[in-house]
């Protein structure tokens, strides 16, 4: 079985977010970059767990980005990927990213494609569904558990108000979230091995973006809270109605 795991570079959650050039560009100064947690903790680690049960499984990693993404993809290799592909395209357009991944996936004939539920920067949660359309392959979003038995996959996913179990044949695309696997830390052996694992660079094939970023805005500063004395229900109702305007 061949697994393709989609890896994205995102800012660390503790990074200070700022913009430059009239709020049209993200300020990368001082930003610590990490593997998108949904890609690392749930998608990649689940692929590694499957490989531990069946060593014949091949895990390929793919990222779409510039040379600055290579430290991130090397860390993913250190965790347990067998080889990696970097598509040299820095577009932030989700469709462009999905098209680049789909082109590689078609050539690789993968049985299982794993993505994170979303990235923690843009939160678009769109790559999995776009890959589904581009590859005409079954897509199951918000997966929290996966078992593979031959060519059959049993997937449990989160739905509103509960969980749903699905059974389908491979190949499939999954977007993974909390519950799929547990976080792992690269060990020294994995870090050393990652230095010699193949990392193939493929030039961009898609150049026509469907969207562009015009401007970023930060959330408005939170206002102070108002404390209401216990038992003063009339004042509470007045504040909720006249100031908060929620009733």
Protein backbone atom coordinates (compact mmCIF):
# COMPACT_ATOMS: atom_id res chain seq x y z
CA UNK A 1 0.00 0.00 0.00
CA UNK A 2 1.16 3.52 -0.79
CA UNK A 3 0.18 6.47 1.39
CA UNK A 4 0.53 10.14 0.47
CA UNK A 5 0.55 12.54 3.42
CA UNK A 6 0.01 16.24 2.71
CA UNK A 7 2.26 18.50 4.79
CA UNK A 8 1.86 22.25 5.24
CA UNK A 9 4.12 24.85 6.87
CA UNK A 10 2.32 27.08 9.39
CA UNK A 11 3.32 29.63 12.03
CA UNK A 12 3.69 28.36 15.57
CA UNK A 13 0.56 29.10 17.58
CA UNK A 14 2.61 31.32 19.93
CA UNK A 15 3.85 33.56 17.09
CA UNK A 16 2.91 37.21 17.12
CA UNK A 17 0.80 37.92 14.04
CA UNK A 18 1.48 41.16 12.18
CA UNK A 19 1.18 42.46 8.63
CA UNK A 20 3.21 44.77 6.43
CA UNK A 21 2.84 46.75 3.20
CA UNK A 22 -0.55 48.17 4.09
CA UNK A 23 -1.82 44.93 5.63
CA UNK A 24 -1.38 43.10 2.33
CA UNK A 25 1.48 40.81 3.37
CA UNK A 26 2.13 38.59 6.39
CA UNK A 27 5.14 39.74 8.41
CA UNK A 28 7.42 36.71 8.78
CA UNK A 29 10.02 38.43 10.97
CA UNK A 30 10.58 36.44 14.16
CA UNK A 31 8.00 33.80 13.24
CA UNK A 32 8.72 30.19 14.23
CA UNK A 33 7.49 27.79 11.54
CA UNK A 34 6.16 24.32 12.30
CA UNK A 35 4.41 21.43 10.57
CA UNK A 36 0.70 22.12 10.58
CA UNK A 37 -0.43 20.22 13.73
CA UNK A 38 -3.36 18.50 12.01
CA UNK A 39 -0.97 17.21 9.33
CA UNK A 40 1.68 16.08 11.82
CA UNK A 41 -0.18 14.77 14.85
CA UNK A 42 -3.05 13.03 13.08
CA UNK A 43 -2.33 12.41 9.37
CA UNK A 44 1.38 11.61 9.44
CA UNK A 45 1.39 9.75 12.73
CA UNK A 46 -1.58 7.62 11.60
CA UNK A 47 0.36 6.69 8.45
CA UNK A 48 3.32 5.71 10.64
CA UNK A 49 1.07 3.57 12.86
CA UNK A 50 -0.22 1.74 9.78
CA UNK A 51 3.35 1.18 8.57
CA UNK A 52 4.36 -0.24 11.95
CA UNK A 53 1.67 -2.89 11.48
CA UNK A 54 2.64 -3.50 7.86
CA UNK A 55 6.28 -2.61 7.05
CA UNK A 56 5.61 -3.01 3.31
CA UNK A 57 3.63 0.26 3.33
CA UNK A 58 5.36 3.22 1.68
CA UNK A 59 4.79 6.70 3.13
CA UNK A 60 5.36 9.59 0.76
CA UNK A 61 5.11 13.19 1.93
CA UNK A 62 4.15 16.14 -0.22
CA UNK A 63 4.29 19.86 0.39
CA UNK A 64 3.62 22.77 -1.95
CA UNK A 65 5.93 25.69 -1.24
CA UNK A 66 9.33 27.28 -1.62
CA UNK A 67 12.73 26.10 -0.40
CA UNK A 68 11.93 27.51 3.06
CA UNK A 69 9.54 24.57 3.60
CA UNK A 70 12.34 22.00 3.41
CA UNK A 71 13.20 22.07 7.16
CA UNK A 72 9.55 21.28 7.84
CA UNK A 73 9.44 18.39 5.38
CA UNK A 74 12.73 17.05 6.79
CA UNK A 75 11.16 16.99 10.26
CA UNK A 76 8.26 15.01 8.81
CA UNK A 77 10.77 12.58 7.30
CA UNK A 78 12.41 12.30 10.73
CA UNK A 79 9.09 11.28 12.23
CA UNK A 80 8.76 8.39 9.80
CA UNK A 81 8.11 9.31 6.18
CA UNK A 82 10.03 7.29 3.57
CA UNK A 83 10.51 10.03 0.99
CA UNK A 84 9.22 13.50 0.23
CA UNK A 85 8.18 15.65 -2.70
CA UNK A 86 8.25 19.44 -2.69
CA UNK A 87 6.33 21.20 -5.44
CA UNK A 88 8.07 24.52 -6.02
CA UNK A 89 4.98 26.72 -5.94
CA UNK A 90 4.43 29.45 -3.33
CA UNK A 91 0.79 30.18 -4.18
CA UNK A 92 -1.63 30.60 -1.27
CA UNK A 93 -4.59 29.71 -3.50
CA UNK A 94 -6.17 26.47 -2.26
CA UNK A 95 -7.16 25.31 -5.74
CA UNK A 96 -3.60 25.76 -7.03
CA UNK A 97 -2.26 23.74 -4.08
CA UNK A 98 -4.86 21.01 -4.63
CA UNK A 99 -4.10 20.85 -8.36
CA UNK A 100 -0.37 20.49 -7.70
CA UNK A 101 -0.99 17.68 -5.20
CA UNK A 102 -3.48 15.98 -7.54
CA UNK A 103 -0.94 15.94 -10.36
CA UNK A 104 1.57 14.11 -8.15
CA UNK A 105 -1.10 11.80 -6.74
CA UNK A 106 -2.19 10.70 -10.22
CA UNK A 107 1.37 9.69 -11.09
CA UNK A 108 1.91 7.90 -7.78
CA UNK A 109 -1.30 5.82 -7.79
CA UNK A 110 -1.71 6.13 -4.01
CA UNK A 111 -4.13 3.94 -2.08
CA UNK A 112 -4.60 6.45 0.73
CA UNK A 113 -4.21 10.23 0.77
CA UNK A 114 -4.21 11.89 4.19
CA UNK A 115 -4.61 15.58 4.93
CA UNK A 116 -5.15 17.46 8.16
CA UNK A 117 -8.66 18.71 8.86
CA UNK A 118 -7.42 22.22 8.18
CA UNK A 119 -4.32 24.39 8.49
CA UNK A 120 -4.06 26.60 11.56
CA UNK A 121 -3.24 29.71 9.53
CA UNK A 122 -5.93 30.02 6.83
CA UNK A 123 -8.36 27.42 8.27
CA UNK A 124 -9.94 26.84 4.87
CA UNK A 125 -10.36 23.06 5.28
CA UNK A 126 -10.69 22.82 1.49
CA UNK A 127 -7.79 20.71 0.15
CA UNK A 128 -9.36 17.31 0.85
CA UNK A 129 -12.64 18.08 -0.92
CA UNK A 130 -10.82 19.68 -3.86
CA UNK A 131 -8.62 16.59 -4.22
CA UNK A 132 -11.78 14.48 -4.18
CA UNK A 133 -13.14 16.38 -7.17
CA UNK A 134 -9.84 16.48 -9.05
CA UNK A 135 -9.06 12.78 -8.54
CA UNK A 136 -12.65 11.48 -8.57
CA UNK A 137 -11.89 9.56 -5.39
CA UNK A 138 -13.94 8.93 -2.26
CA UNK A 139 -13.40 11.61 0.39
CA UNK A 140 -14.28 11.28 4.08
CA UNK A 141 -13.76 14.45 6.14
CA UNK A 142 -13.19 14.88 9.90
CA UNK A 143 -11.91 11.33 10.36
CA UNK A 144 -11.07 10.30 13.91
CA UNK A 145 -10.29 6.58 13.41
CA UNK A 146 -9.12 4.35 10.59
CA UNK A 147 -8.66 0.61 10.13
CA UNK A 148 -7.45 -0.94 6.88
CA UNK A 149 -8.17 -4.57 6.04
CA UNK A 150 -6.75 -5.41 2.64
CA UNK A 151 -8.50 -3.11 0.18
CA UNK A 152 -11.26 -2.16 2.62
CA UNK A 153 -11.09 0.88 4.92
CA UNK A 154 -13.28 1.35 7.98
CA UNK A 155 -13.40 5.01 8.93
CA UNK A 156 -15.02 6.70 11.88
CA UNK A 157 -15.70 10.39 11.51
CA UNK A 158 -17.15 13.13 13.64
CA UNK A 159 -20.54 14.54 12.65
CA UNK A 160 -22.74 17.08 14.36
CA UNK A 161 -24.09 15.50 17.51
CA UNK A 162 -22.20 12.24 17.23
CA UNK A 163 -19.98 9.92 15.20
CA UNK A 164 -20.47 7.98 12.00
CA UNK A 165 -18.75 4.78 10.83
CA UNK A 166 -18.11 4.27 7.12
CA UNK A 167 -16.80 1.29 5.17
CA UNK A 168 -15.37 1.83 1.71
CA UNK A 169 -12.83 0.39 -0.69
CA UNK A 170 -9.46 1.96 -1.40
CA UNK A 171 -8.33 4.36 -2.76
CA UNK A 172 -9.72 7.08 -0.49
CA UNK A 173 -8.88 10.57 0.76
CA UNK A 174 -9.25 11.42 4.44
CA UNK A 175 -8.99 14.67 6.35
CA UNK A 176 -7.87 13.81 9.86
CA UNK A 177 -8.48 15.44 13.21
CA UNK A 178 -8.07 14.84 16.93
CA UNK A 179 -8.58 11.21 17.84
CA UNK A 180 -6.93 9.73 14.75
CA UNK A 181 -3.51 9.35 16.42
CA UNK A 182 -1.31 10.62 19.25
CA UNK A 183 1.48 13.17 18.88
CA UNK A 184 5.04 11.85 18.50
CA UNK A 185 8.45 13.48 18.82
CA UNK A 186 11.28 12.66 16.38
CA UNK A 187 14.11 10.65 17.95
CA UNK A 188 17.79 11.08 17.15
CA UNK A 189 17.83 8.03 14.89
CA UNK A 190 14.96 9.43 12.86
CA UNK A 191 16.58 12.86 12.64
CA UNK A 192 19.85 11.40 11.35
CA UNK A 193 18.04 9.14 8.87
CA UNK A 194 16.00 12.06 7.52
CA UNK A 195 19.17 13.68 6.19
CA UNK A 196 19.61 10.95 3.60
CA UNK A 197 15.98 10.24 2.72
CA UNK A 198 14.96 11.35 -0.79
CA UNK A 199 13.45 14.82 -1.13
CA UNK A 200 12.43 15.41 -4.73
CA UNK A 201 11.76 18.94 -5.98
CA UNK A 202 9.18 19.26 -8.75
CA UNK A 203 8.69 22.53 -10.59
CA UNK A 204 5.24 24.13 -10.46
CA UNK A 205 2.80 23.13 -13.17
CA UNK A 206 -0.13 25.33 -12.13
CA UNK A 207 0.18 29.10 -12.48
CA UNK A 208 -3.36 30.45 -12.75
CA UNK A 209 -4.66 31.24 -9.26
CA UNK A 210 -8.42 31.59 -8.78
CA UNK A 211 -8.12 33.82 -5.71
CA UNK A 212 -5.74 36.45 -4.38
CA UNK A 213 -5.24 38.13 -1.02
CA UNK A 214 -6.15 41.82 -1.06
CA UNK A 215 -5.83 42.68 2.62
CA UNK A 216 -5.46 41.20 6.09
CA UNK A 217 -7.24 42.50 9.19
CA UNK A 218 -6.62 41.63 12.81
CA UNK A 219 -9.55 41.07 15.20
CA UNK A 220 -10.80 44.10 17.09
CA UNK A 221 -9.38 44.53 20.57
CA UNK A 222 -11.55 42.98 23.24
CA UNK A 223 -13.36 45.45 25.44
CA UNK A 224 -13.33 45.23 29.21
CA UNK A 225 -15.89 43.19 31.11
CA UNK A 226 -18.62 44.56 33.29
CA UNK A 227 -19.34 42.88 36.59
CA UNK A 228 -22.88 42.69 37.86
CA UNK A 229 -23.64 42.12 41.52
CA UNK A 230 -25.12 38.74 42.33
CA UNK A 231 -28.91 38.88 42.30
CA UNK A 232 -29.14 42.06 40.21
CA UNK A 233 -31.03 40.38 37.38
CA UNK A 234 -32.59 43.59 36.06
CA UNK A 235 -29.17 45.11 35.41
CA UNK A 236 -27.95 41.91 33.76
CA UNK A 237 -30.94 41.87 31.41
CA UNK A 238 -30.48 45.59 30.61
CA UNK A 239 -26.81 45.09 29.69
CA UNK A 240 -27.55 42.07 27.53
CA UNK A 241 -30.32 43.92 25.72
CA UNK A 242 -28.99 47.47 25.39
CA UNK A 243 -25.22 47.04 25.23
CA UNK A 244 -24.45 43.48 24.18
CA UNK A 245 -27.61 43.42 22.04
CA UNK A 246 -27.91 39.65 22.28
CA UNK A 247 -31.51 39.58 23.50
